């Protein structure tokens, strides 16, 4: 896997988050360049991970932090919000992406970041509220 898929959320970013898109036959490495101070302000969990006693908090310029369990598309949505790139936050999310966004906001204690968008996102998929295959509504609720 090469480092060809790099998204820069902050040109002065000091951390490279590495995630893997597993939707294809072989995992595709995705790298997100972010600013640790912004991440720390957006989430106490990110703050602890990036500045606390965790392995990920080593003070190395350009350090890489692997997040192998995180969904790349959902993380991209959160990072756009955290880095105030609101013009890149989608007004409509497919249901599976919405589920993954809520999984990550729960994991990182960042659910409050979704407040300006959640009504738009829910409106776009609420027609499926009682459909089979949408049981994750319980999780979202």
N, C-alpha and C. Protein backbone atom coordinates (compact mmCIF):
# COMPACT_ATOMS: atom_id res chain seq x y z
N UNK A 1 0.85 -1.18 0.00
CA UNK A 1 0.00 0.00 0.00
C UNK A 1 0.89 1.24 0.00
N UNK A 2 0.57 2.15 -0.91
CA UNK A 2 1.35 3.39 -0.93
C UNK A 2 0.56 4.52 -0.28
N UNK A 3 1.17 5.67 -0.22
CA UNK A 3 0.59 6.81 0.48
C UNK A 3 0.00 7.80 -0.52
N UNK A 4 -0.71 7.29 -1.54
CA UNK A 4 -1.20 8.17 -2.59
C UNK A 4 -2.47 8.91 -2.22
N UNK A 5 -3.26 8.41 -1.29
CA UNK A 5 -4.51 9.06 -0.93
C UNK A 5 -4.32 9.85 0.36
N UNK A 6 -3.93 11.12 0.21
CA UNK A 6 -3.69 12.00 1.34
C UNK A 6 -4.66 13.17 1.25
N UNK A 7 -5.36 13.43 2.35
CA UNK A 7 -6.25 14.58 2.43
C UNK A 7 -5.72 15.49 3.52
N UNK A 8 -5.59 16.75 3.18
CA UNK A 8 -5.06 17.73 4.12
C UNK A 8 -6.22 18.54 4.69
N UNK A 9 -6.45 18.39 5.98
CA UNK A 9 -7.49 19.13 6.67
C UNK A 9 -6.94 20.44 7.23
N UNK A 10 -5.64 20.47 7.46
CA UNK A 10 -4.97 21.68 7.92
C UNK A 10 -3.57 21.68 7.32
N UNK A 11 -3.25 22.70 6.50
CA UNK A 11 -1.92 22.72 5.88
C UNK A 11 -0.78 22.79 6.89
N UNK A 12 -1.07 23.23 8.11
CA UNK A 12 -0.05 23.26 9.16
C UNK A 12 -0.17 22.05 10.07
N UNK A 13 -0.90 21.05 9.64
CA UNK A 13 -1.15 19.86 10.46
C UNK A 13 0.12 19.20 10.94
N UNK A 14 0.07 18.72 12.17
CA UNK A 14 1.24 18.09 12.77
C UNK A 14 1.07 16.58 12.97
N UNK A 15 -0.08 16.05 12.57
CA UNK A 15 -0.34 14.62 12.74
C UNK A 15 -0.93 14.08 11.44
N UNK A 16 -0.56 12.86 11.15
CA UNK A 16 -1.11 12.15 10.00
C UNK A 16 -1.91 10.97 10.55
N UNK A 17 -3.24 11.04 10.40
CA UNK A 17 -4.09 9.94 10.81
C UNK A 17 -4.17 8.95 9.65
N UNK A 18 -3.97 7.69 9.95
CA UNK A 18 -3.98 6.66 8.92
C UNK A 18 -5.16 5.74 9.17
N UNK A 19 -6.01 5.62 8.14
CA UNK A 19 -7.16 4.73 8.19
C UNK A 19 -7.13 3.88 6.92
N UNK A 20 -7.97 2.86 6.89
CA UNK A 20 -7.97 1.95 5.75
C UNK A 20 -9.38 1.78 5.23
N UNK A 21 -9.53 2.04 3.93
CA UNK A 21 -10.81 1.81 3.27
C UNK A 21 -10.86 0.33 2.91
N UNK A 22 -11.75 -0.39 3.54
CA UNK A 22 -11.84 -1.84 3.35
C UNK A 22 -12.99 -2.22 2.43
N UNK A 23 -13.55 -1.24 1.70
CA UNK A 23 -14.67 -1.54 0.82
C UNK A 23 -14.23 -2.20 -0.47
N UNK A 24 -12.98 -2.10 -0.82
CA UNK A 24 -12.46 -2.74 -2.03
C UNK A 24 -11.89 -4.12 -1.68
N UNK A 25 -11.40 -4.83 -2.68
CA UNK A 25 -10.83 -6.16 -2.46
C UNK A 25 -9.63 -6.11 -1.52
N UNK A 26 -8.79 -5.12 -1.73
CA UNK A 26 -7.62 -4.95 -0.86
C UNK A 26 -7.76 -3.61 -0.14
N UNK A 27 -7.38 -3.55 1.13
CA UNK A 27 -7.49 -2.28 1.87
C UNK A 27 -6.68 -1.17 1.21
N UNK A 28 -7.26 0.01 1.19
CA UNK A 28 -6.60 1.19 0.62
C UNK A 28 -6.25 2.12 1.77
N UNK A 29 -4.97 2.43 1.87
CA UNK A 29 -4.50 3.32 2.94
C UNK A 29 -4.90 4.75 2.62
N UNK A 30 -5.49 5.42 3.61
CA UNK A 30 -5.86 6.82 3.49
C UNK A 30 -5.18 7.57 4.63
N UNK A 31 -4.60 8.69 4.30
CA UNK A 31 -3.91 9.50 5.29
C UNK A 31 -4.57 10.86 5.37
N UNK A 32 -4.87 11.28 6.60
CA UNK A 32 -5.50 12.57 6.84
C UNK A 32 -4.52 13.43 7.64
N UNK A 33 -4.14 14.57 7.10
CA UNK A 33 -3.23 15.49 7.79
C UNK A 33 -4.09 16.45 8.61
N UNK A 34 -3.90 16.40 9.93
CA UNK A 34 -4.74 17.18 10.84
C UNK A 34 -3.86 17.94 11.84
N UNK A 35 -4.50 18.87 12.52
CA UNK A 35 -3.84 19.67 13.55
C UNK A 35 -4.25 19.15 14.92
N UNK A 36 -3.28 18.74 15.73
CA UNK A 36 -3.59 18.13 17.02
C UNK A 36 -4.32 19.09 17.96
N UNK A 37 -4.03 20.38 17.90
CA UNK A 37 -4.71 21.33 18.78
C UNK A 37 -6.19 21.43 18.44
N UNK A 38 -6.51 21.40 17.17
CA UNK A 38 -7.91 21.43 16.75
C UNK A 38 -8.60 20.16 17.21
N UNK A 39 -7.95 19.03 17.02
CA UNK A 39 -8.52 17.74 17.43
C UNK A 39 -8.76 17.73 18.94
N UNK A 40 -7.82 18.28 19.68
CA UNK A 40 -7.93 18.30 21.14
C UNK A 40 -9.09 19.17 21.61
N UNK A 41 -9.36 20.25 20.89
CA UNK A 41 -10.49 21.11 21.26
C UNK A 41 -11.83 20.47 20.91
N UNK A 42 -11.84 19.64 19.88
CA UNK A 42 -13.09 19.04 19.41
C UNK A 42 -13.54 17.86 20.26
N UNK A 43 -12.59 17.19 20.93
CA UNK A 43 -12.94 15.96 21.65
C UNK A 43 -11.94 15.69 22.77
N UNK A 44 -12.47 15.45 23.96
CA UNK A 44 -11.61 15.08 25.08
C UNK A 44 -10.88 13.77 24.82
N UNK A 45 -11.54 12.86 24.12
CA UNK A 45 -10.89 11.58 23.81
C UNK A 45 -9.73 11.78 22.85
N UNK A 46 -9.91 12.63 21.83
CA UNK A 46 -8.81 12.94 20.92
C UNK A 46 -7.70 13.64 21.68
N UNK A 47 -8.07 14.54 22.59
CA UNK A 47 -7.06 15.24 23.39
C UNK A 47 -6.23 14.24 24.20
N UNK A 48 -6.90 13.32 24.87
CA UNK A 48 -6.19 12.32 25.66
C UNK A 48 -5.30 11.44 24.77
N UNK A 49 -5.82 11.08 23.61
CA UNK A 49 -5.07 10.21 22.71
C UNK A 49 -3.84 10.92 22.14
N UNK A 50 -3.97 12.19 21.85
CA UNK A 50 -2.90 12.90 21.16
C UNK A 50 -1.94 13.65 22.08
N UNK A 51 -2.35 13.90 23.34
CA UNK A 51 -1.48 14.65 24.23
C UNK A 51 -1.24 13.93 25.55
N UNK A 52 -1.96 12.85 25.80
CA UNK A 52 -1.84 12.14 27.07
C UNK A 52 -0.72 11.11 27.05
N UNK A 53 -0.88 10.08 27.84
CA UNK A 53 0.15 9.07 27.98
C UNK A 53 0.05 7.92 27.00
N UNK A 54 -0.69 8.10 25.91
CA UNK A 54 -0.85 7.02 24.94
C UNK A 54 0.31 7.00 23.96
N UNK A 55 0.51 5.86 23.32
CA UNK A 55 1.56 5.71 22.33
C UNK A 55 1.40 6.75 21.21
N UNK A 56 0.15 7.07 20.86
CA UNK A 56 -0.12 8.00 19.78
C UNK A 56 0.33 9.42 20.09
N UNK A 57 0.60 9.72 21.36
CA UNK A 57 0.92 11.10 21.75
C UNK A 57 2.41 11.40 21.75
N UNK A 58 3.21 10.52 21.18
CA UNK A 58 4.65 10.81 21.10
C UNK A 58 4.88 12.14 20.40
N UNK A 59 5.70 13.02 20.97
CA UNK A 59 5.90 14.35 20.37
C UNK A 59 6.86 14.33 19.20
N UNK A 60 6.43 13.80 18.09
CA UNK A 60 7.25 13.77 16.88
C UNK A 60 6.55 14.57 15.79
N UNK A 61 7.24 15.51 15.16
CA UNK A 61 6.61 16.25 14.07
C UNK A 61 6.21 15.29 12.95
N UNK A 62 5.01 15.47 12.42
CA UNK A 62 4.54 14.64 11.33
C UNK A 62 4.27 13.20 11.71
N UNK A 63 4.06 12.96 13.00
CA UNK A 63 3.85 11.58 13.45
C UNK A 63 2.57 11.01 12.85
N UNK A 64 2.57 9.69 12.71
CA UNK A 64 1.42 8.98 12.19
C UNK A 64 0.70 8.27 13.32
N UNK A 65 -0.62 8.36 13.28
CA UNK A 65 -1.46 7.68 14.25
C UNK A 65 -2.38 6.77 13.45
N UNK A 66 -2.27 5.48 13.67
CA UNK A 66 -3.12 4.53 12.96
C UNK A 66 -4.44 4.36 13.70
N UNK A 67 -5.52 4.44 12.95
CA UNK A 67 -6.87 4.23 13.48
C UNK A 67 -7.51 3.13 12.63
N UNK A 68 -7.07 1.90 12.82
CA UNK A 68 -7.46 0.81 11.91
C UNK A 68 -8.94 0.45 11.95
N UNK A 69 -9.62 0.77 13.03
CA UNK A 69 -11.04 0.42 13.15
C UNK A 69 -11.97 1.51 12.63
N UNK A 70 -11.46 2.70 12.38
CA UNK A 70 -12.30 3.83 12.02
C UNK A 70 -12.66 3.82 10.53
N UNK A 71 -13.92 4.11 10.26
CA UNK A 71 -14.40 4.21 8.89
C UNK A 71 -13.87 5.50 8.27
N UNK A 72 -13.17 5.42 7.13
CA UNK A 72 -12.55 6.62 6.56
C UNK A 72 -13.55 7.70 6.16
N UNK A 73 -14.67 7.32 5.57
CA UNK A 73 -15.64 8.32 5.14
C UNK A 73 -16.28 9.02 6.34
N UNK A 74 -16.62 8.26 7.36
CA UNK A 74 -17.20 8.85 8.57
C UNK A 74 -16.18 9.75 9.27
N UNK A 75 -14.94 9.31 9.35
CA UNK A 75 -13.91 10.13 9.99
C UNK A 75 -13.67 11.41 9.20
N UNK A 76 -13.73 11.32 7.89
CA UNK A 76 -13.56 12.51 7.06
C UNK A 76 -14.66 13.54 7.36
N UNK A 77 -15.89 13.08 7.54
CA UNK A 77 -16.98 13.99 7.89
C UNK A 77 -16.66 14.70 9.20
N UNK A 78 -16.25 13.92 10.21
CA UNK A 78 -15.93 14.51 11.52
C UNK A 78 -14.75 15.47 11.45
N UNK A 79 -13.74 15.11 10.70
CA UNK A 79 -12.56 15.97 10.60
C UNK A 79 -12.88 17.27 9.86
N UNK A 80 -13.74 17.20 8.87
CA UNK A 80 -14.16 18.43 8.19
C UNK A 80 -14.88 19.35 9.17
N UNK A 81 -15.73 18.78 10.02
CA UNK A 81 -16.42 19.59 11.02
C UNK A 81 -15.43 20.16 12.02
N UNK A 82 -14.58 19.32 12.58
CA UNK A 82 -13.64 19.76 13.60
C UNK A 82 -12.69 20.84 13.08
N UNK A 83 -12.30 20.73 11.81
CA UNK A 83 -11.38 21.70 11.22
C UNK A 83 -12.12 22.86 10.54
N UNK A 84 -13.42 22.99 10.83
CA UNK A 84 -14.25 24.09 10.34
C UNK A 84 -14.26 24.22 8.82
N UNK A 85 -14.21 23.09 8.16
CA UNK A 85 -14.32 23.05 6.70
C UNK A 85 -15.77 22.70 6.36
N UNK A 86 -16.67 23.55 6.82
CA UNK A 86 -18.10 23.28 6.76
C UNK A 86 -18.61 23.13 5.34
N UNK A 87 -17.99 23.80 4.40
CA UNK A 87 -18.42 23.69 3.00
C UNK A 87 -18.21 22.27 2.46
N UNK A 88 -17.44 21.45 3.14
CA UNK A 88 -17.19 20.08 2.70
C UNK A 88 -18.02 19.05 3.48
N UNK A 89 -18.83 19.52 4.42
CA UNK A 89 -19.68 18.62 5.20
C UNK A 89 -20.94 18.36 4.37
N UNK A 90 -21.22 17.10 4.05
CA UNK A 90 -22.39 16.81 3.21
C UNK A 90 -23.70 17.14 3.91
N UNK A 91 -24.67 17.60 3.14
CA UNK A 91 -26.00 17.85 3.68
C UNK A 91 -26.82 16.57 3.75
N UNK A 92 -26.42 15.58 2.98
CA UNK A 92 -27.10 14.28 2.96
C UNK A 92 -26.06 13.20 3.20
N UNK A 93 -26.38 12.27 4.10
CA UNK A 93 -25.52 11.11 4.33
C UNK A 93 -26.32 9.85 4.08
N UNK A 94 -25.71 8.90 3.39
CA UNK A 94 -26.33 7.59 3.26
C UNK A 94 -26.42 6.97 4.65
N UNK A 95 -27.41 6.13 4.84
CA UNK A 95 -27.65 5.55 6.15
C UNK A 95 -26.42 4.84 6.73
N UNK A 96 -25.72 3.99 5.96
CA UNK A 96 -24.53 3.33 6.54
C UNK A 96 -23.46 4.32 7.00
N UNK A 97 -23.30 5.41 6.28
CA UNK A 97 -22.31 6.43 6.68
C UNK A 97 -22.79 7.13 7.94
N UNK A 98 -24.07 7.43 8.02
CA UNK A 98 -24.63 8.06 9.21
C UNK A 98 -24.40 7.18 10.43
N UNK A 99 -24.61 5.89 10.28
CA UNK A 99 -24.36 4.97 11.38
C UNK A 99 -22.90 5.04 11.80
N UNK A 100 -21.98 5.00 10.85
CA UNK A 100 -20.56 5.02 11.17
C UNK A 100 -20.14 6.36 11.80
N UNK A 101 -20.74 7.45 11.36
CA UNK A 101 -20.45 8.75 11.98
C UNK A 101 -20.85 8.71 13.45
N UNK A 102 -22.03 8.16 13.74
CA UNK A 102 -22.47 8.10 15.14
C UNK A 102 -21.61 7.14 15.96
N UNK A 103 -21.12 6.08 15.34
CA UNK A 103 -20.21 5.18 16.04
C UNK A 103 -18.95 5.93 16.45
N UNK A 104 -18.40 6.71 15.53
CA UNK A 104 -17.17 7.46 15.83
C UNK A 104 -17.41 8.57 16.85
N UNK A 105 -18.54 9.26 16.75
CA UNK A 105 -18.78 10.32 17.73
C UNK A 105 -18.98 9.74 19.12
N UNK A 106 -19.54 8.55 19.20
CA UNK A 106 -19.65 7.88 20.49
C UNK A 106 -18.26 7.47 20.99
N UNK A 107 -17.49 6.89 20.12
CA UNK A 107 -16.14 6.44 20.48
C UNK A 107 -15.26 7.59 20.97
N UNK A 108 -15.38 8.74 20.32
CA UNK A 108 -14.51 9.87 20.64
C UNK A 108 -15.20 10.94 21.49
N UNK A 109 -16.42 10.70 21.93
CA UNK A 109 -17.12 11.68 22.75
C UNK A 109 -17.33 12.99 22.02
N UNK A 110 -17.68 12.90 20.75
CA UNK A 110 -17.78 14.10 19.92
C UNK A 110 -19.16 14.27 19.30
N UNK A 111 -20.18 13.71 19.92
CA UNK A 111 -21.53 13.78 19.36
C UNK A 111 -21.99 15.22 19.19
N UNK A 112 -21.59 16.11 20.08
CA UNK A 112 -21.99 17.51 20.00
C UNK A 112 -21.57 18.18 18.69
N UNK A 113 -20.53 17.68 18.05
CA UNK A 113 -20.10 18.26 16.78
C UNK A 113 -21.17 18.15 15.70
N UNK A 114 -22.07 17.17 15.85
CA UNK A 114 -23.07 16.91 14.81
C UNK A 114 -24.29 17.82 14.88
N UNK A 115 -24.41 18.57 15.94
CA UNK A 115 -25.64 19.33 16.17
C UNK A 115 -26.12 20.14 14.96
N UNK A 116 -25.29 20.89 14.27
CA UNK A 116 -25.80 21.67 13.13
C UNK A 116 -26.28 20.83 11.94
N UNK A 117 -25.90 19.55 11.87
CA UNK A 117 -26.20 18.74 10.69
C UNK A 117 -27.18 17.60 10.94
N UNK A 118 -27.37 17.20 12.18
CA UNK A 118 -28.10 15.95 12.41
C UNK A 118 -29.53 15.99 11.88
N UNK A 119 -30.21 17.11 11.97
CA UNK A 119 -31.59 17.16 11.46
C UNK A 119 -31.64 16.98 9.95
N UNK A 120 -30.71 17.59 9.25
CA UNK A 120 -30.62 17.40 7.80
C UNK A 120 -30.36 15.94 7.46
N UNK A 121 -29.39 15.35 8.15
CA UNK A 121 -29.03 13.96 7.87
C UNK A 121 -30.18 13.01 8.17
N UNK A 122 -30.83 13.21 9.30
CA UNK A 122 -31.94 12.33 9.66
C UNK A 122 -33.10 12.48 8.68
N UNK A 123 -33.38 13.69 8.26
CA UNK A 123 -34.49 13.92 7.32
C UNK A 123 -34.27 13.18 6.01
N UNK A 124 -33.02 13.06 5.60
CA UNK A 124 -32.74 12.41 4.32
C UNK A 124 -32.91 10.89 4.36
N UNK A 125 -32.93 10.30 5.54
CA UNK A 125 -33.04 8.84 5.63
C UNK A 125 -34.22 8.37 6.49
N UNK A 126 -34.99 9.30 7.05
CA UNK A 126 -36.06 8.89 7.97
C UNK A 126 -37.16 8.09 7.29
N UNK A 127 -37.26 8.17 5.97
CA UNK A 127 -38.26 7.38 5.27
C UNK A 127 -38.04 5.88 5.46
N UNK A 128 -36.85 5.51 5.89
CA UNK A 128 -36.51 4.09 6.10
C UNK A 128 -36.66 3.66 7.56
N UNK A 129 -37.26 4.49 8.37
CA UNK A 129 -37.34 4.25 9.80
C UNK A 129 -37.81 2.84 10.16
N UNK A 130 -38.80 2.33 9.46
CA UNK A 130 -39.36 1.02 9.80
C UNK A 130 -38.98 -0.07 8.80
N UNK A 131 -38.10 0.25 7.87
CA UNK A 131 -37.70 -0.73 6.85
C UNK A 131 -36.75 -1.77 7.42
N UNK A 132 -36.87 -3.02 6.95
CA UNK A 132 -35.88 -4.04 7.34
C UNK A 132 -34.48 -3.61 6.88
N UNK A 133 -33.49 -3.93 7.67
CA UNK A 133 -32.12 -3.57 7.35
C UNK A 133 -31.70 -2.22 7.92
N UNK A 134 -32.61 -1.57 8.61
CA UNK A 134 -32.30 -0.26 9.19
C UNK A 134 -32.41 -0.31 10.71
N UNK A 135 -32.08 -1.44 11.27
CA UNK A 135 -32.19 -1.62 12.72
C UNK A 135 -31.25 -0.71 13.50
N UNK A 136 -30.23 -0.19 12.83
CA UNK A 136 -29.29 0.70 13.51
C UNK A 136 -29.93 2.02 13.91
N UNK A 137 -31.18 2.26 13.50
CA UNK A 137 -31.89 3.44 13.98
C UNK A 137 -31.87 3.48 15.51
N UNK A 138 -31.95 2.30 16.11
CA UNK A 138 -31.91 2.25 17.58
C UNK A 138 -30.60 2.82 18.11
N UNK A 139 -29.51 2.51 17.43
CA UNK A 139 -28.20 3.05 17.82
C UNK A 139 -28.17 4.56 17.64
N UNK A 140 -28.65 5.04 16.50
CA UNK A 140 -28.63 6.46 16.22
C UNK A 140 -29.47 7.23 17.25
N UNK A 141 -30.62 6.66 17.60
CA UNK A 141 -31.49 7.32 18.57
C UNK A 141 -30.79 7.46 19.90
